[in-house]
Amino acid sequence: MMTTMRQNMADAYAEGHHEAANLLDRLTDLLGDMPPPDADGINWGNVGSLRHVIAMLKEVETHLEGATK
């Protein structure tokens, strides 16, 4: 029974790790789709959206830094 629980845990972790890596790839693509800094028409809404994304990414970074210690 312990082996089954450990295998389920390992499988769940591997699945989660793969999903997180795919999300990171998707986020990289989405960030690349945002207007570049020198684009015409940048407005304060764009700035606010980007700052919001940065704040959320910093939260993830902080969480992951704690998980690796």
Protein backbone atom coordinates (compact mmCIF):
# COMPACT_ATOMS: atom_id res chain seq x y z
CA MET A 1 0.00 0.00 0.00
CA MET A 2 2.84 2.43 0.81
CA THR A 3 4.37 1.77 -2.59
CA THR A 4 1.06 2.61 -4.29
CA MET A 5 0.69 5.85 -2.31
CA ARG A 6 4.28 6.84 -3.10
CA GLN A 7 3.78 6.05 -6.78
CA ASN A 8 0.56 8.07 -6.84
CA MET A 9 2.40 10.95 -5.20
CA ALA A 10 5.27 10.69 -7.68
CA ASP A 11 2.84 10.55 -10.60
CA ALA A 12 0.89 13.54 -9.29
CA TYR A 13 4.11 15.53 -8.82
CA ALA A 14 5.36 14.65 -12.30
CA GLU A 15 2.02 15.68 -13.80
CA GLY A 16 2.04 18.96 -11.86
CA HIS A 17 5.63 19.67 -12.84
CA HIS A 18 4.80 19.11 -16.50
CA GLU A 19 1.71 21.34 -16.26
CA ALA A 20 3.70 24.12 -14.58
CA ALA A 21 6.36 23.95 -17.31
CA ASN A 22 3.65 24.16 -19.98
CA LEU A 23 2.10 27.16 -18.22
CA LEU A 24 5.47 28.87 -18.12
CA ASP A 25 5.88 28.32 -21.86
CA ARG A 26 2.38 29.73 -22.46
CA LEU A 27 3.08 32.76 -20.26
CA THR A 28 6.29 33.42 -22.20
CA ASP A 29 4.28 33.34 -25.44
CA LEU A 30 1.61 35.65 -24.04
CA LEU A 31 4.21 38.12 -22.77
CA GLY A 32 5.76 38.11 -26.24
CA ASP A 33 2.34 38.98 -27.68
CA MET A 34 2.13 42.13 -25.56
CA PRO A 35 3.11 45.39 -27.23
CA PRO A 36 6.87 45.97 -27.19
CA PRO A 37 8.15 48.97 -25.21
CA ASP A 38 8.66 51.05 -28.35
CA ALA A 39 5.18 50.34 -29.82
CA ASP A 40 2.88 53.19 -30.73
CA GLY A 41 -0.27 53.47 -28.67
CA ILE A 42 1.07 52.31 -25.31
CA ASN A 43 -1.25 53.64 -22.62
CA TRP A 44 -1.54 53.56 -18.83
CA GLY A 45 -3.81 50.53 -19.10
CA ASN A 46 -0.93 48.62 -20.70
CA VAL A 47 1.37 49.78 -17.91
CA GLY A 48 -1.12 48.71 -15.24
CA SER A 49 -1.63 45.30 -16.85
CA LEU A 50 2.10 44.70 -17.06
CA ARG A 51 2.64 45.78 -13.45
CA HIS A 52 -0.13 43.42 -12.36
CA VAL A 53 1.54 40.54 -14.22
CA ILE A 54 4.88 41.41 -12.62
CA ALA A 55 3.33 41.42 -9.14
CA MET A 56 1.79 37.98 -9.69
CA LEU A 57 5.04 36.58 -11.10
CA LYS A 58 6.96 37.91 -8.10
CA GLU A 59 4.48 36.11 -5.84
CA VAL A 60 5.13 32.86 -7.70
CA GLU A 61 8.87 33.48 -7.55
CA THR A 62 8.72 34.00 -3.79
CA HIS A 63 6.68 30.83 -3.35
CA LEU A 64 9.07 28.75 -5.42
CA GLU A 65 12.12 30.15 -3.68
CA GLY A 66 10.63 29.00 -0.37
CA ALA A 67 9.83 25.58 -1.80
CA THR A 68 13.43 24.97 -2.84
CA LYS A 69 14.86 25.64 0.61
